[in-house]
């Protein structure tokens, strides 16, 4: 899961890390875009752009329940294991 969802983002460098942070916050805020943007101190369009880049880079939709569950697993696995190389 980490290789599928997180590595394509990290391969883009610093921006990819911003996308990962945005995704974590987005899930933690119940997928509420205005609340997430406020928590990240970014404009809602910036957040929407980051979420769209996730979808472009991974080929997965954040509207798909399987994607949300697997992304959540990837985040949990990341805290329990070393980074994918």
PDB file of N, CA and C in Angstrom:
ATOM      1  N   UNK A   1       0.815  -1.192   0.000  1.00  0.00           N
ATOM      2  CA  UNK A   1       0.000   0.000   0.000  1.00  0.00           C
ATOM      3  C   UNK A   1       0.864   1.264   0.000  1.00  0.00           C
ATOM      4  N   UNK A   2       1.929   1.223   0.783  1.00  0.00           N
ATOM      5  CA  UNK A   2       2.800   2.409   0.813  1.00  0.00           C
ATOM      6  C   UNK A   2       3.414   2.660  -0.556  1.00  0.00           C
ATOM      7  N   UNK A   3       3.819   1.594  -1.228  1.00  0.00           N
ATOM      8  CA  UNK A   3       4.426   1.751  -2.556  1.00  0.00           C
ATOM      9  C   UNK A   3       3.397   2.258  -3.567  1.00  0.00           C
ATOM     10  N   UNK A   4       2.167   1.838  -3.448  1.00  0.00           N
ATOM     11  CA  UNK A   4       1.118   2.234  -4.388  1.00  0.00           C
ATOM     12  C   UNK A   4       0.663   3.672  -4.178  1.00  0.00           C
ATOM     13  N   UNK A   5       0.503   4.071  -2.912  1.00  0.00           N
ATOM     14  CA  UNK A   5      -0.111   5.365  -2.621  1.00  0.00           C
ATOM     15  C   UNK A   5       0.864   6.468  -2.216  1.00  0.00           C
ATOM     16  N   UNK A   6       1.919   6.120  -1.524  1.00  0.00           N
ATOM     17  CA  UNK A   6       2.792   7.156  -0.979  1.00  0.00           C
ATOM     18  C   UNK A   6       4.074   7.362  -1.778  1.00  0.00           C
ATOM     19  N   UNK A   7       4.639   6.289  -2.298  1.00  0.00           N
ATOM     20  CA  UNK A   7       5.908   6.421  -3.017  1.00  0.00           C
ATOM     21  C   UNK A   7       5.801   7.296  -4.263  1.00  0.00           C
ATOM     22  N   UNK A   8       4.728   7.181  -5.078  1.00  0.00           N
ATOM     23  CA  UNK A   8       4.638   8.075  -6.240  1.00  0.00           C
ATOM     24  C   UNK A   8       4.634   9.554  -5.847  1.00  0.00           C
ATOM     25  N   UNK A   9       4.092   9.851  -4.681  1.00  0.00           N
ATOM     26  CA  UNK A   9       4.081  11.237  -4.196  1.00  0.00           C
ATOM     27  C   UNK A   9       5.476  11.649  -3.755  1.00  0.00           C
ATOM     28  N   UNK A  10       6.117  10.788  -3.008  1.00  0.00           N
ATOM     29  CA  UNK A  10       7.448  11.103  -2.480  1.00  0.00           C
ATOM     30  C   UNK A  10       8.477  11.210  -3.603  1.00  0.00           C
ATOM     31  N   UNK A  11       8.240  10.514  -4.682  1.00  0.00           N
ATOM     32  CA  UNK A  11       9.157  10.595  -5.825  1.00  0.00           C
ATOM     33  C   UNK A  11       9.169  11.981  -6.456  1.00  0.00           C
ATOM     34  N   UNK A  12       8.177  12.808  -6.142  1.00  0.00           N
ATOM     35  CA  UNK A  12       8.127  14.167  -6.692  1.00  0.00           C
ATOM     36  C   UNK A  12       8.847  15.174  -5.794  1.00  0.00           C
ATOM     37  N   UNK A  13       9.398  14.725  -4.680  1.00  0.00           N
ATOM     38  CA  UNK A  13      10.184  15.604  -3.815  1.00  0.00           C
ATOM     39  C   UNK A  13       9.358  16.338  -2.775  1.00  0.00           C
ATOM     40  N   UNK A  14       9.741  17.577  -2.519  1.00  0.00           N
ATOM     41  CA  UNK A  14       9.124  18.370  -1.449  1.00  0.00           C
ATOM     42  C   UNK A  14       7.630  18.555  -1.666  1.00  0.00           C
ATOM     43  N   UNK A  15       7.219  18.780  -2.918  1.00  0.00           N
ATOM     44  CA  UNK A  15       5.788  18.941  -3.169  1.00  0.00           C
ATOM     45  C   UNK A  15       5.032  17.669  -2.804  1.00  0.00           C
ATOM     46  N   UNK A  16       5.602  16.528  -3.095  1.00  0.00           N
ATOM     47  CA  UNK A  16       4.963  15.259  -2.750  1.00  0.00           C
ATOM     48  C   UNK A  16       4.756  15.124  -1.251  1.00  0.00           C
ATOM     49  N   UNK A  17       5.715  15.616  -0.471  1.00  0.00           N
ATOM     50  CA  UNK A  17       5.563  15.581   0.986  1.00  0.00           C
ATOM     51  C   UNK A  17       4.409  16.482   1.427  1.00  0.00           C
ATOM     52  N   UNK A  18       4.221  17.609   0.739  1.00  0.00           N
ATOM     53  CA  UNK A  18       3.083  18.487   1.047  1.00  0.00           C
ATOM     54  C   UNK A  18       1.769  17.781   0.733  1.00  0.00           C
ATOM     55  N   UNK A  19       1.763  17.016  -0.348  1.00  0.00           N
ATOM     56  CA  UNK A  19       0.561  16.262  -0.703  1.00  0.00           C
ATOM     57  C   UNK A  19       0.278  15.194   0.355  1.00  0.00           C
ATOM     58  N   UNK A  20       1.310  14.496   0.800  1.00  0.00           N
ATOM     59  CA  UNK A  20       1.136  13.476   1.844  1.00  0.00           C
ATOM     60  C   UNK A  20       0.579  14.117   3.112  1.00  0.00           C
ATOM     61  N   UNK A  21       1.154  15.231   3.526  1.00  0.00           N
ATOM     62  CA  UNK A  21       0.667  15.938   4.719  1.00  0.00           C
ATOM     63  C   UNK A  21      -0.793  16.359   4.532  1.00  0.00           C
ATOM     64  N   UNK A  22      -1.113  16.842   3.346  1.00  0.00           N
ATOM     65  CA  UNK A  22      -2.481  17.269   3.052  1.00  0.00           C
ATOM     66  C   UNK A  22      -3.450  16.097   3.117  1.00  0.00           C
ATOM     67  N   UNK A  23      -3.039  14.950   2.589  1.00  0.00           N
ATOM     68  CA  UNK A  23      -3.896  13.763   2.631  1.00  0.00           C
ATOM     69  C   UNK A  23      -4.150  13.309   4.061  1.00  0.00           C
ATOM     70  N   UNK A  24      -3.085  13.300   4.866  1.00  0.00           N
ATOM     71  CA  UNK A  24      -3.259  12.913   6.289  1.00  0.00           C
ATOM     72  C   UNK A  24      -4.269  13.827   6.975  1.00  0.00           C
ATOM     73  N   UNK A  25      -4.100  15.107   6.754  1.00  0.00           N
ATOM     74  CA  UNK A  25      -4.981  16.087   7.382  1.00  0.00           C
ATOM     75  C   UNK A  25      -6.403  15.968   6.829  1.00  0.00           C
ATOM     76  N   UNK A  26      -6.537  15.744   5.544  1.00  0.00           N
ATOM     77  CA  UNK A  26      -7.836  15.586   4.883  1.00  0.00           C
ATOM     78  C   UNK A  26      -8.603  14.412   5.488  1.00  0.00           C
ATOM     79  N   UNK A  27      -7.923  13.292   5.682  1.00  0.00           N
ATOM     80  CA  UNK A  27      -8.577  12.134   6.287  1.00  0.00           C
ATOM     81  C   UNK A  27      -8.896  12.396   7.753  1.00  0.00           C
ATOM     82  N   UNK A  28      -7.990  13.052   8.468  1.00  0.00           N
ATOM     83  CA  UNK A  28      -8.203  13.349   9.890  1.00  0.00           C
ATOM     84  C   UNK A  28      -9.361  14.320  10.096  1.00  0.00           C
ATOM     85  N   UNK A  29      -9.652  15.127   9.082  1.00  0.00           N
ATOM     86  CA  UNK A  29     -10.734  16.100   9.176  1.00  0.00           C
ATOM     87  C   UNK A  29     -12.007  15.626   8.477  1.00  0.00           C
ATOM     88  N   UNK A  30     -12.138  14.321   8.365  1.00  0.00           N
ATOM     89  CA  UNK A  30     -13.372  13.762   7.823  1.00  0.00           C
ATOM     90  C   UNK A  30     -13.633  14.146   6.374  1.00  0.00           C
ATOM     91  N   UNK A  31     -12.538  14.365   5.593  1.00  0.00           N
ATOM     92  CA  UNK A  31     -12.630  14.718   4.171  1.00  0.00           C
ATOM     93  C   UNK A  31     -13.340  16.049   3.958  1.00  0.00           C
ATOM     94  N   UNK A  32     -13.290  16.915   4.943  1.00  0.00           N
ATOM     95  CA  UNK A  32     -13.895  18.239   4.849  1.00  0.00           C
ATOM     96  C   UNK A  32     -12.846  19.214   4.315  1.00  0.00           C
ATOM     97  N   UNK A  33     -13.047  19.673   3.084  1.00  0.00           N
ATOM     98  CA  UNK A  33     -12.044  20.509   2.431  1.00  0.00           C
ATOM     99  C   UNK A  33     -11.848  21.852   3.134  1.00  0.00           C
ATOM    100  N   UNK A  34     -12.894  22.614   3.439  1.00  0.00           N
ATOM    101  CA  UNK A  34     -12.644  23.903   4.117  1.00  0.00           C
ATOM    102  C   UNK A  34     -11.933  23.744   5.467  1.00  0.00           C
ATOM    103  N   UNK A  35     -12.341  22.773   6.251  1.00  0.00           N
ATOM    104  CA  UNK A  35     -11.715  22.567   7.567  1.00  0.00           C
ATOM    105  C   UNK A  35     -10.250  22.140   7.403  1.00  0.00           C
ATOM    106  N   UNK A  36      -9.989  21.265   6.422  1.00  0.00           N
ATOM    107  CA  UNK A  36      -8.621  20.815   6.178  1.00  0.00           C
ATOM    108  C   UNK A  36      -7.746  21.963   5.706  1.00  0.00           C
ATOM    109  N   UNK A  37      -8.251  22.766   4.779  1.00  0.00           N
ATOM    110  CA  UNK A  37      -7.485  23.914   4.286  1.00  0.00           C
ATOM    111  C   UNK A  37      -7.149  24.866   5.427  1.00  0.00           C
ATOM    112  N   UNK A  38      -8.109  25.088   6.292  1.00  0.00           N
ATOM    113  CA  UNK A  38      -7.865  25.967   7.445  1.00  0.00           C
ATOM    114  C   UNK A  38      -6.790  25.377   8.356  1.00  0.00           C
ATOM    115  N   UNK A  39      -6.867  24.081   8.613  1.00  0.00           N
ATOM    116  CA  UNK A  39      -5.883  23.424   9.483  1.00  0.00           C
ATOM    117  C   UNK A  39      -4.478  23.480   8.886  1.00  0.00           C
ATOM    118  N   UNK A  40      -4.401  23.424   7.553  1.00  0.00           N
ATOM    119  CA  UNK A  40      -3.105  23.472   6.877  1.00  0.00           C
ATOM    120  C   UNK A  40      -2.640  24.895   6.582  1.00  0.00           C
ATOM    121  N   UNK A  41      -3.513  25.864   6.828  1.00  0.00           N
ATOM    122  CA  UNK A  41      -3.221  27.281   6.545  1.00  0.00           C
ATOM    123  C   UNK A  41      -2.953  27.498   5.054  1.00  0.00           C
ATOM    124  N   UNK A  42      -3.808  26.864   4.222  1.00  0.00           N
ATOM    125  CA  UNK A  42      -3.731  27.053   2.768  1.00  0.00           C
ATOM    126  C   UNK A  42      -5.121  27.389   2.240  1.00  0.00           C
ATOM    127  N   UNK A  43      -5.164  27.934   1.026  1.00  0.00           N
ATOM    128  CA  UNK A  43      -6.436  28.226   0.373  1.00  0.00           C
ATOM    129  C   UNK A  43      -7.096  26.912  -0.034  1.00  0.00           C
ATOM    130  N   UNK A  44      -8.422  26.887  -0.056  1.00  0.00           N
ATOM    131  CA  UNK A  44      -9.133  25.652  -0.426  1.00  0.00           C
ATOM    132  C   UNK A  44      -8.732  25.179  -1.822  1.00  0.00           C
ATOM    133  N   UNK A  45      -8.447  26.102  -2.737  1.00  0.00           N
ATOM    134  CA  UNK A  45      -8.029  25.686  -4.077  1.00  0.00           C
ATOM    135  C   UNK A  45      -6.650  25.032  -4.068  1.00  0.00           C
ATOM    136  N   UNK A  46      -5.786  25.460  -3.162  1.00  0.00           N
ATOM    137  CA  UNK A  46      -4.479  24.817  -3.008  1.00  0.00           C
ATOM    138  C   UNK A  46      -4.676  23.382  -2.560  1.00  0.00           C
ATOM    139  N   UNK A  47      -5.546  23.178  -1.592  1.00  0.00           N
ATOM    140  CA  UNK A  47      -5.823  21.828  -1.126  1.00  0.00           C
ATOM    141  C   UNK A  47      -6.435  20.989  -2.243  1.00  0.00           C
ATOM    142  N   UNK A  48      -7.384  21.540  -2.955  1.00  0.00           N
ATOM    143  CA  UNK A  48      -7.997  20.795  -4.065  1.00  0.00           C
ATOM    144  C   UNK A  48      -6.952  20.398  -5.104  1.00  0.00           C
ATOM    145  N   UNK A  49      -6.029  21.287  -5.378  1.00  0.00           N
ATOM    146  CA  UNK A  49      -4.957  20.989  -6.326  1.00  0.00           C
ATOM    147  C   UNK A  49      -4.108  19.824  -5.818  1.00  0.00           C
ATOM    148  N   UNK A  50      -3.741  19.865  -4.555  1.00  0.00           N
ATOM    149  CA  UNK A  50      -2.928  18.784  -3.983  1.00  0.00           C
ATOM    150  C   UNK A  50      -3.666  17.448  -4.040  1.00  0.00           C
ATOM    151  N   UNK A  51      -4.947  17.454  -3.741  1.00  0.00           N
ATOM    152  CA  UNK A  51      -5.728  16.215  -3.797  1.00  0.00           C
ATOM    153  C   UNK A  51      -5.834  15.712  -5.237  1.00  0.00           C
ATOM    154  N   UNK A  52      -5.982  16.620  -6.170  1.00  0.00           N
ATOM    155  CA  UNK A  52      -6.031  16.237  -7.584  1.00  0.00           C
ATOM    156  C   UNK A  52      -4.696  15.649  -8.028  1.00  0.00           C
ATOM    157  N   UNK A  53      -3.597  16.203  -7.551  1.00  0.00           N
ATOM    158  CA  UNK A  53      -2.274  15.660  -7.900  1.00  0.00           C
ATOM    159  C   UNK A  53      -2.117  14.248  -7.358  1.00  0.00           C
ATOM    160  N   UNK A  54      -2.639  13.979  -6.166  1.00  0.00           N
ATOM    161  CA  UNK A  54      -2.621  12.607  -5.655  1.00  0.00           C
ATOM    162  C   UNK A  54      -3.304  11.680  -6.650  1.00  0.00           C
ATOM    163  N   UNK A  55      -4.480  12.075  -7.099  1.00  0.00           N
ATOM    164  CA  UNK A  55      -5.238  11.235  -8.027  1.00  0.00           C
ATOM    165  C   UNK A  55      -4.491  11.051  -9.344  1.00  0.00           C
ATOM    166  N   UNK A  56      -3.860  12.099  -9.835  1.00  0.00           N
ATOM    167  CA  UNK A  56      -3.101  12.009 -11.087  1.00  0.00           C
ATOM    168  C   UNK A  56      -1.884  11.103 -10.942  1.00  0.00           C
ATOM    169  N   UNK A  57      -1.158  11.251  -9.843  1.00  0.00           N
ATOM    170  CA  UNK A  57       0.079  10.499  -9.659  1.00  0.00           C
ATOM    171  C   UNK A  57      -0.150   9.029  -9.333  1.00  0.00           C
ATOM    172  N   UNK A  58      -1.263   8.734  -8.680  1.00  0.00           N
ATOM    173  CA  UNK A  58      -1.525   7.346  -8.279  1.00  0.00           C
ATOM    174  C   UNK A  58      -2.537   6.648  -9.175  1.00  0.00           C
ATOM    175  N   UNK A  59      -3.301   7.424  -9.925  1.00  0.00           N
ATOM    176  CA  UNK A  59      -4.351   6.822 -10.747  1.00  0.00           C
ATOM    177  C   UNK A  59      -5.533   6.337  -9.932  1.00  0.00           C
ATOM    178  N   UNK A  60      -5.644   6.818  -8.706  1.00  0.00           N
ATOM    179  CA  UNK A  60      -6.717   6.401  -7.802  1.00  0.00           C
ATOM    180  C   UNK A  60      -7.578   7.598  -7.425  1.00  0.00           C
ATOM    181  N   UNK A  61      -8.867   7.356  -7.244  1.00  0.00           N
ATOM    182  CA  UNK A  61      -9.812   8.421  -6.915  1.00  0.00           C
ATOM    183  C   UNK A  61     -10.076   8.475  -5.416  1.00  0.00           C
ATOM    184  N   UNK A  62     -10.078   9.685  -4.876  1.00  0.00           N
ATOM    185  CA  UNK A  62     -10.417   9.851  -3.461  1.00  0.00           C
ATOM    186  C   UNK A  62     -11.919   9.725  -3.213  1.00  0.00           C
ATOM    187  N   UNK A  63     -12.690   9.564  -4.266  1.00  0.00           N
ATOM    188  CA  UNK A  63     -14.119   9.293  -4.124  1.00  0.00           C
ATOM    189  C   UNK A  63     -14.393   7.799  -3.967  1.00  0.00           C
ATOM    190  N   UNK A  64     -13.368   6.985  -4.167  1.00  0.00           N
ATOM    191  CA  UNK A  64     -13.502   5.533  -4.084  1.00  0.00           C
ATOM    192  C   UNK A  64     -13.216   5.065  -2.653  1.00  0.00           C
ATOM    193  N   UNK A  65     -14.159   4.339  -2.088  1.00  0.00           N
ATOM    194  CA  UNK A  65     -14.011   3.864  -0.706  1.00  0.00           C
ATOM    195  C   UNK A  65     -12.782   2.986  -0.537  1.00  0.00           C
ATOM    196  N   UNK A  66     -12.520   2.111  -1.504  1.00  0.00           N
ATOM    197  CA  UNK A  66     -11.339   1.247  -1.407  1.00  0.00           C
ATOM    198  C   UNK A  66     -10.059   2.071  -1.324  1.00  0.00           C
ATOM    199  N   UNK A  67      -9.986   3.136  -2.099  1.00  0.00           N
ATOM    200  CA  UNK A  67      -8.808   4.011  -2.062  1.00  0.00           C
ATOM    201  C   UNK A  67      -8.647   4.627  -0.686  1.00  0.00           C
ATOM    202  N   UNK A  68      -9.724   5.108  -0.112  1.00  0.00           N
ATOM    203  CA  UNK A  68      -9.648   5.733   1.215  1.00  0.00           C
ATOM    204  C   UNK A  68      -9.195   4.747   2.275  1.00  0.00           C
ATOM    205  N   UNK A  69      -9.737   3.540   2.226  1.00  0.00           N
ATOM    206  CA  UNK A  69      -9.357   2.517   3.208  1.00  0.00           C
ATOM    207  C   UNK A  69      -7.895   2.131   3.029  1.00  0.00           C
ATOM    208  N   UNK A  70      -7.495   1.891   1.787  1.00  0.00           N
ATOM    209  CA  UNK A  70      -6.116   1.481   1.531  1.00  0.00           C
ATOM    210  C   UNK A  70      -5.134   2.603   1.855  1.00  0.00           C
ATOM    211  N   UNK A  71      -5.491   3.838   1.577  1.00  0.00           N
ATOM    212  CA  UNK A  71      -4.636   4.967   1.918  1.00  0.00           C
ATOM    213  C   UNK A  71      -4.477   5.070   3.439  1.00  0.00           C
ATOM    214  N   UNK A  72      -5.556   4.864   4.147  1.00  0.00           N
ATOM    215  CA  UNK A  72      -5.498   4.868   5.604  1.00  0.00           C
ATOM    216  C   UNK A  72      -4.567   3.759   6.105  1.00  0.00           C
ATOM    217  N   UNK A  73      -4.671   2.584   5.514  1.00  0.00           N
ATOM    218  CA  UNK A  73      -3.769   1.474   5.876  1.00  0.00           C
ATOM    219  C   UNK A  73      -2.319   1.840   5.591  1.00  0.00           C
ATOM    220  N   UNK A  74      -2.089   2.482   4.446  1.00  0.00           N
ATOM    221  CA  UNK A  74      -0.721   2.879   4.091  1.00  0.00           C
ATOM    222  C   UNK A  74      -0.147   3.825   5.138  1.00  0.00           C
ATOM    223  N   UNK A  75      -0.942   4.772   5.604  1.00  0.00           N
ATOM    224  CA  UNK A  75      -0.471   5.689   6.637  1.00  0.00           C
ATOM    225  C   UNK A  75      -0.190   4.945   7.941  1.00  0.00           C
ATOM    226  N   UNK A  76      -1.051   4.025   8.312  1.00  0.00           N
ATOM    227  CA  UNK A  76      -0.830   3.252   9.530  1.00  0.00           C
ATOM    228  C   UNK A  76       0.402   2.359   9.408  1.00  0.00           C
ATOM    229  N   UNK A  77       0.573   1.753   8.240  1.00  0.00           N
ATOM    230  CA  UNK A  77       1.736   0.894   8.025  1.00  0.00           C
ATOM    231  C   UNK A  77       3.028   1.698   8.065  1.00  0.00           C
ATOM    232  N   UNK A  78       2.951   2.922   7.590  1.00  0.00           N
ATOM    233  CA  UNK A  78       4.135   3.768   7.567  1.00  0.00           C
ATOM    234  C   UNK A  78       4.622   4.098   8.974  1.00  0.00           C
ATOM    235  N   UNK A  79       3.719   4.264   9.900  1.00  0.00           N
ATOM    236  CA  UNK A  79       4.126   4.566  11.267  1.00  0.00           C
ATOM    237  C   UNK A  79       4.664   3.338  11.974  1.00  0.00           C
ATOM    238  N   UNK A  80       4.346   2.149  11.447  1.00  0.00           N
ATOM    239  CA  UNK A  80       4.768   0.904  12.093  1.00  0.00           C
ATOM    240  C   UNK A  80       6.000   0.292  11.440  1.00  0.00           C
ATOM    241  N   UNK A  81       6.417   0.787  10.275  1.00  0.00           N
ATOM    242  CA  UNK A  81       7.521   0.181   9.545  1.00  0.00           C
ATOM    243  C   UNK A  81       8.433   1.259   8.962  1.00  0.00           C
ATOM    244  N   UNK A  82       9.657   0.867   8.600  1.00  0.00           N
ATOM    245  CA  UNK A  82      10.553   1.842   7.966  1.00  0.00           C
ATOM    246  C   UNK A  82      10.066   2.236   6.582  1.00  0.00           C
ATOM    247  N   UNK A  83      10.524   3.388   6.062  1.00  0.00           N
ATOM    248  CA  UNK A  83      10.084   3.845   4.732  1.00  0.00           C
ATOM    249  C   UNK A  83      10.412   2.844   3.632  1.00  0.00           C
ATOM    250  N   UNK A  84       9.569   2.849   2.605  1.00  0.00           N
ATOM    251  CA  UNK A  84       9.800   2.003   1.433  1.00  0.00           C
ATOM    252  C   UNK A  84      10.959   2.597   0.647  1.00  0.00           C
ATOM    253  N   UNK A  85      11.887   1.758   0.215  1.00  0.00           N
ATOM    254  CA  UNK A  85      13.012   2.286  -0.574  1.00  0.00           C
ATOM    255  C   UNK A  85      12.969   1.780  -1.995  1.00  0.00           C
TER     256      UNK A  85
END
